[in-house]
Amino acid sequence: MTKISSYNVNGIRAAHRKGFVDWVGESDPDIICIQELRALENQVPEEVKELGYHEYYHVAEKKGYSGVAIYSKEKPKKIEEGIGVDWIDSEGRVIMAEYDGFRVFSIYAPSGTTGDIRQDMKMDFLDNFIRFGKKFIEDEKPSVFCGDFNICHTEIDIHNPDKQHKTSGFLPEERAWVTDFLEVGYNDVFRELHPGKKDLYSWWSYRAASKERNKGWRIDYHLATNELAEKAKVAEIEKKWDISDHAPVSVVYDV
């Protein structure tokens, strides 16, 4: 069994101060896909580096911004950074670790909440990313894209959906993109293990006691090819941890 956790930590240095090492000790993932690292590799706290994982980073050119990482107990056969699009790769948004039996990606899609320019860039990222994803469907090796896609797919993935249809993260074109990505040949692993179940969210605003009231969004995913998705046994949003505005999304795969 292999436990893979996807976690937008909202800054690894801040997450460390709030108990990241304690979470790792208790949850004990085999592979951790980190998003929003917001640090250079030499700025990652020593206690994090001493956890015993092999560490791989793809940081943004802009300091303190974006960035993804993969921590792995087993040393991967290969690491690849980026998707081959300059502006996306300069923001440190995609990293892949390849093992004998599968590939794991850590993904941090842009948010469009800061205005039209970033929303246009988000849609450009999604256009490029679906083409990137198609390449791995054509390959025999199973793959899973773990990360913060900044999109709620369906109405049960967001609180108060009736008032959110014009909000970035729940726009019709964004939701349609998730549908299209799944139709390419990927599976929303968490949702398939919790079909139809409401009030399961992975992100909550820091405002208005949103987490305490469970007024959240499910924007963090494991999107896996068919063979790997069929091996998913347990999926959990580890809501009890208050390390970030996101919760870890962890899936145990029989690999």
Protein backbone atom coordinates (compact mmCIF):
# COMPACT_ATOMS: atom_id res chain seq x y z
CA MET A 1 0.00 0.00 0.00
CA THR A 2 1.16 3.52 -0.81
CA LYS A 3 -0.29 6.59 0.88
CA ILE A 4 -0.11 9.75 -1.22
CA SER A 5 -1.03 13.10 0.32
CA SER A 6 -1.69 16.33 -1.56
CA TYR A 7 -1.28 19.44 0.56
CA ASN A 8 -1.38 23.15 -0.23
CA VAL A 9 0.58 24.31 2.81
CA ASN A 10 0.15 28.06 2.19
CA GLY A 11 3.87 28.56 2.78
CA ILE A 12 6.10 25.79 4.12
CA ARG A 13 7.72 28.06 6.70
CA ALA A 14 4.36 29.10 8.13
CA ALA A 15 3.12 25.50 7.96
CA HIS A 16 6.17 24.37 9.91
CA ARG A 17 5.36 26.84 12.68
CA LYS A 18 1.79 25.50 12.83
CA GLY A 19 2.62 21.80 13.07
CA PHE A 20 3.57 20.40 9.66
CA VAL A 21 6.12 18.02 11.19
CA ASP A 22 3.47 16.75 13.64
CA TRP A 23 1.09 16.07 10.74
CA VAL A 24 3.74 14.09 8.88
CA GLY A 25 4.50 12.09 12.01
CA GLU A 26 0.87 11.17 12.56
CA SER A 27 -0.38 10.78 8.98
CA ASP A 28 2.83 9.13 7.72
CA PRO A 29 2.38 9.49 3.95
CA ASP A 30 4.73 7.65 1.63
CA ILE A 31 4.62 10.54 -0.85
CA ILE A 32 3.70 14.15 -0.09
CA CYS A 33 2.77 16.50 -2.93
CA ILE A 34 3.22 20.06 -1.69
CA GLN A 35 1.71 23.15 -3.29
CA GLU A 36 2.26 26.83 -2.54
CA LEU A 37 5.69 26.21 -1.07
CA ARG A 38 6.49 29.94 -1.11
CA ALA A 39 10.15 29.39 -0.31
CA LEU A 40 13.46 28.63 -1.93
CA GLU A 41 14.90 25.21 -1.22
CA ASN A 42 17.43 26.65 1.23
CA GLN A 43 14.60 28.38 3.12
CA VAL A 44 12.78 25.15 3.96
CA PRO A 45 13.05 24.62 7.74
CA GLU A 46 15.66 22.13 8.88
CA GLU A 47 13.10 20.11 10.85
CA VAL A 48 11.21 19.50 7.60
CA LYS A 49 14.41 18.45 5.85
CA GLU A 50 15.15 16.03 8.68
CA LEU A 51 11.93 14.04 8.24
CA GLY A 52 13.74 11.40 6.20
CA TYR A 53 12.13 11.98 2.82
CA HIS A 54 13.82 12.48 -0.52
CA GLU A 55 12.95 16.08 -1.46
CA TYR A 56 12.38 17.60 -4.89
CA TYR A 57 11.42 21.20 -5.56
CA HIS A 58 10.21 23.36 -8.43
CA VAL A 59 10.24 26.91 -7.13
CA ALA A 60 8.97 30.12 -8.71
CA GLU A 61 11.32 32.77 -10.04
CA LYS A 62 9.41 35.30 -7.93
CA LYS A 63 10.54 34.91 -4.32
CA GLY A 64 7.94 33.88 -1.75
CA TYR A 65 5.43 32.90 -4.44
CA SER A 66 3.84 29.65 -5.64
CA GLY A 67 6.20 26.65 -5.86
CA VAL A 68 5.61 22.89 -5.67
CA ALA A 69 7.50 19.98 -4.15
CA ILE A 70 7.40 16.22 -3.76
CA TYR A 71 8.65 14.47 -0.62
CA SER A 72 9.08 10.73 -1.09
CA LYS A 73 10.20 7.90 1.19
CA GLU A 74 11.31 5.91 -1.85
CA LYS A 75 13.77 7.53 -4.20
CA PRO A 76 12.07 8.10 -7.58
CA LYS A 77 13.59 6.88 -10.82
CA LYS A 78 13.17 10.29 -12.41
CA ILE A 79 12.08 13.85 -11.61
CA GLU A 80 10.75 16.33 -14.15
CA GLU A 81 9.83 19.97 -13.62
CA GLY A 82 7.31 22.03 -15.54
CA ILE A 83 5.20 21.39 -18.63
CA GLY A 84 7.27 23.23 -21.24
CA VAL A 85 5.38 26.56 -21.18
CA ASP A 86 7.65 29.40 -20.10
CA TRP A 87 5.32 31.53 -18.00
CA ILE A 88 3.86 28.49 -16.22
CA ASP A 89 7.24 26.96 -15.50
CA SER A 90 8.62 30.28 -14.22
CA GLU A 91 5.87 30.21 -11.58
CA GLY A 92 6.84 26.74 -10.31
CA ARG A 93 3.53 24.96 -10.79
CA VAL A 94 4.23 21.35 -11.82
CA ILE A 95 6.69 18.67 -10.70
CA MET A 96 6.64 14.93 -11.44
CA ALA A 97 8.21 11.93 -9.70
CA GLU A 98 8.37 8.67 -11.62
CA TYR A 99 8.58 5.27 -9.93
CA ASP A 100 8.71 1.71 -11.28
CA GLY A 101 4.94 1.33 -11.26
CA PHE A 102 3.46 4.83 -11.55
CA ARG A 103 3.99 8.58 -11.80
CA VAL A 104 2.96 11.23 -9.27
CA PHE A 105 2.60 14.93 -10.07
CA SER A 106 2.25 17.87 -7.69
CA ILE A 107 0.15 20.60 -9.34
CA TYR A 108 -0.65 24.15 -8.31
CA ALA A 109 -3.04 25.79 -10.75
CA PRO A 110 -3.33 29.59 -10.75
CA SER A 111 -6.11 31.35 -8.92
CA GLY A 112 -8.22 33.81 -10.86
CA THR A 113 -9.56 35.67 -7.85
CA THR A 114 -7.30 38.72 -8.18
CA GLY A 115 -8.78 39.97 -11.45
CA ASP A 116 -9.32 39.44 -15.16
CA ILE A 117 -5.64 39.20 -16.09
CA ARG A 118 -5.00 36.32 -13.69
CA GLN A 119 -8.28 34.66 -14.68
CA ASP A 120 -7.16 34.74 -18.33
CA MET A 121 -3.83 33.23 -17.27
CA LYS A 122 -5.64 30.57 -15.28
CA MET A 123 -7.63 29.57 -18.36
CA ASP A 124 -4.43 29.52 -20.42
CA PHE A 125 -2.86 27.24 -17.81
CA LEU A 126 -5.86 24.92 -18.02
CA ASP A 127 -5.73 24.85 -21.82
CA ASN A 128 -2.07 23.91 -21.73
CA PHE A 129 -2.52 21.47 -18.89
CA ILE A 130 -5.20 19.37 -20.56
CA ARG A 131 -2.84 18.89 -23.51
CA PHE A 132 -0.10 17.95 -21.06
CA GLY A 133 -2.42 15.48 -19.36
CA LYS A 134 -3.35 13.75 -22.61
CA LYS A 135 0.26 12.65 -23.10
CA PHE A 136 0.10 10.45 -20.02
CA ILE A 137 -3.16 8.79 -21.01
CA GLU A 138 -1.40 7.48 -24.10
CA ASP A 139 1.34 5.99 -21.91
CA GLU A 140 1.04 2.58 -20.25
CA LYS A 141 2.37 3.75 -16.89
CA PRO A 142 -0.40 4.84 -14.46
CA SER A 143 -0.32 8.49 -13.34
CA VAL A 144 -1.95 10.67 -10.72
CA PHE A 145 -2.11 14.47 -10.69
CA CYS A 146 -2.29 15.63 -7.07
CA GLY A 147 -2.88 19.24 -6.26
CA ASP A 148 -4.77 22.44 -5.85
CA PHE A 149 -6.63 23.10 -9.08
CA ASN A 150 -8.55 26.09 -7.68
CA ILE A 151 -11.83 24.76 -9.13
CA CYS A 152 -14.90 23.18 -7.54
CA HIS A 153 -16.30 20.73 -10.06
CA THR A 154 -19.92 20.23 -9.01
CA GLU A 155 -22.46 21.90 -6.74
CA ILE A 156 -21.78 19.44 -3.90
CA ASP A 157 -18.13 20.57 -3.94
CA ILE A 158 -18.90 24.10 -2.72
CA HIS A 159 -21.05 25.61 -0.01
CA ASN A 160 -23.94 27.81 -1.13
CA PRO A 161 -23.48 27.03 -4.84
CA ASP A 162 -26.43 29.14 -5.98
CA LYS A 163 -24.52 32.31 -5.14
CA GLN A 164 -21.15 31.21 -6.53
CA HIS A 165 -21.73 30.80 -10.27
CA LYS A 166 -19.96 34.07 -11.10
CA THR A 167 -17.06 33.44 -8.72
CA SER A 168 -13.63 32.40 -9.97
CA GLY A 169 -13.23 28.77 -9.00
CA PHE A 170 -16.85 27.94 -9.81
CA LEU A 171 -17.28 29.55 -13.20
CA PRO A 172 -19.10 27.42 -15.81
CA GLU A 173 -16.03 27.30 -18.07
CA GLU A 174 -13.82 26.15 -15.19
CA ARG A 175 -16.25 23.43 -14.15
CA ALA A 176 -16.54 22.33 -17.79
CA TRP A 177 -12.76 22.04 -17.91
CA VAL A 178 -12.77 19.53 -15.05
CA THR A 179 -15.44 17.52 -16.88
CA ASP A 180 -13.33 17.62 -20.04
CA PHE A 181 -10.21 16.56 -18.17
CA LEU A 182 -12.01 13.58 -16.66
CA GLU A 183 -13.35 12.63 -20.08
CA VAL A 184 -9.79 12.53 -21.42
CA GLY A 185 -9.32 9.50 -19.18
CA TYR A 186 -8.80 10.66 -15.59
CA ASN A 187 -10.78 9.96 -12.44
CA ASP A 188 -11.60 12.16 -9.46
CA VAL A 189 -10.39 9.58 -6.94
CA PHE A 190 -11.78 11.19 -3.79
CA ARG A 191 -15.22 11.71 -5.28
CA GLU A 192 -15.38 8.17 -6.64
CA LEU A 193 -14.74 6.84 -3.14
CA HIS A 194 -17.28 9.28 -1.63
CA PRO A 195 -19.98 9.49 -4.32
CA GLY A 196 -22.72 12.04 -3.71
CA LYS A 197 -21.53 12.89 -0.22
CA LYS A 198 -21.94 16.57 0.61
CA ASP A 199 -20.05 18.95 2.91
CA LEU A 200 -16.64 17.46 2.13
CA TYR A 201 -14.31 20.39 1.51
CA SER A 202 -10.55 20.91 1.36
CA TRP A 203 -10.29 24.72 1.61
CA TRP A 204 -11.91 27.29 3.85
CA SER A 205 -11.49 31.05 3.92
CA TYR A 206 -9.81 32.43 7.02
CA ARG A 207 -12.70 34.89 7.28
CA ALA A 208 -16.01 34.56 9.14
CA ALA A 209 -15.09 31.32 10.95
CA SER A 210 -15.57 29.50 7.64
CA LYS A 211 -13.92 26.27 8.73
CA GLU A 212 -15.78 26.08 12.02
CA ARG A 213 -19.02 26.52 10.08
CA ASN A 214 -17.76 24.23 7.26
CA LYS A 215 -18.38 26.86 4.60
CA GLY A 216 -15.75 25.45 2.28
CA TRP A 217 -14.68 24.47 -1.23
CA ARG A 218 -13.28 21.17 -2.52
CA ILE A 219 -10.52 22.37 -4.84
CA ASP A 220 -7.75 19.85 -4.06
CA TYR A 221 -7.76 16.64 -6.10
CA HIS A 222 -6.19 13.33 -6.95
CA LEU A 223 -6.88 12.96 -10.69
CA ALA A 224 -5.71 9.48 -11.66
CA THR A 225 -5.65 7.34 -14.77
CA ASN A 226 -8.01 4.38 -14.74
CA GLU A 227 -5.59 1.70 -13.61
CA LEU A 228 -4.36 3.70 -10.64
CA ALA A 229 -7.82 4.97 -9.70
CA GLU A 230 -9.05 1.38 -9.48
CA LYS A 231 -6.33 0.71 -6.88
CA ALA A 232 -7.47 3.54 -4.58
CA LYS A 233 -8.78 2.03 -1.35
CA VAL A 234 -9.20 4.88 1.13
CA ALA A 235 -9.50 8.65 0.61
CA GLU A 236 -9.60 11.21 3.38
CA ILE A 237 -9.60 14.98 3.76
CA GLU A 238 -7.64 15.44 6.99
CA LYS A 239 -9.74 18.33 8.22
CA LYS A 240 -8.61 18.30 11.84
CA TRP A 241 -5.27 19.92 11.01
CA ASP A 242 -5.19 23.74 11.12
CA ILE A 243 -1.80 24.16 9.45
CA SER A 244 -3.06 25.92 6.33
CA ASP A 245 -6.31 27.22 4.87
CA HIS A 246 -6.31 23.87 3.02
CA ALA A 247 -6.48 20.38 4.49
CA PRO A 248 -4.37 17.47 3.27
CA VAL A 249 -6.15 15.15 0.84
CA SER A 250 -4.73 11.65 1.34
CA VAL A 251 -5.40 8.50 -0.67
CA VAL A 252 -4.13 4.98 -0.04
CA TYR A 253 -3.42 3.07 -3.26
CA ASP A 254 -2.81 -0.65 -3.49
CA VAL A 255 0.52 -0.26 -5.28
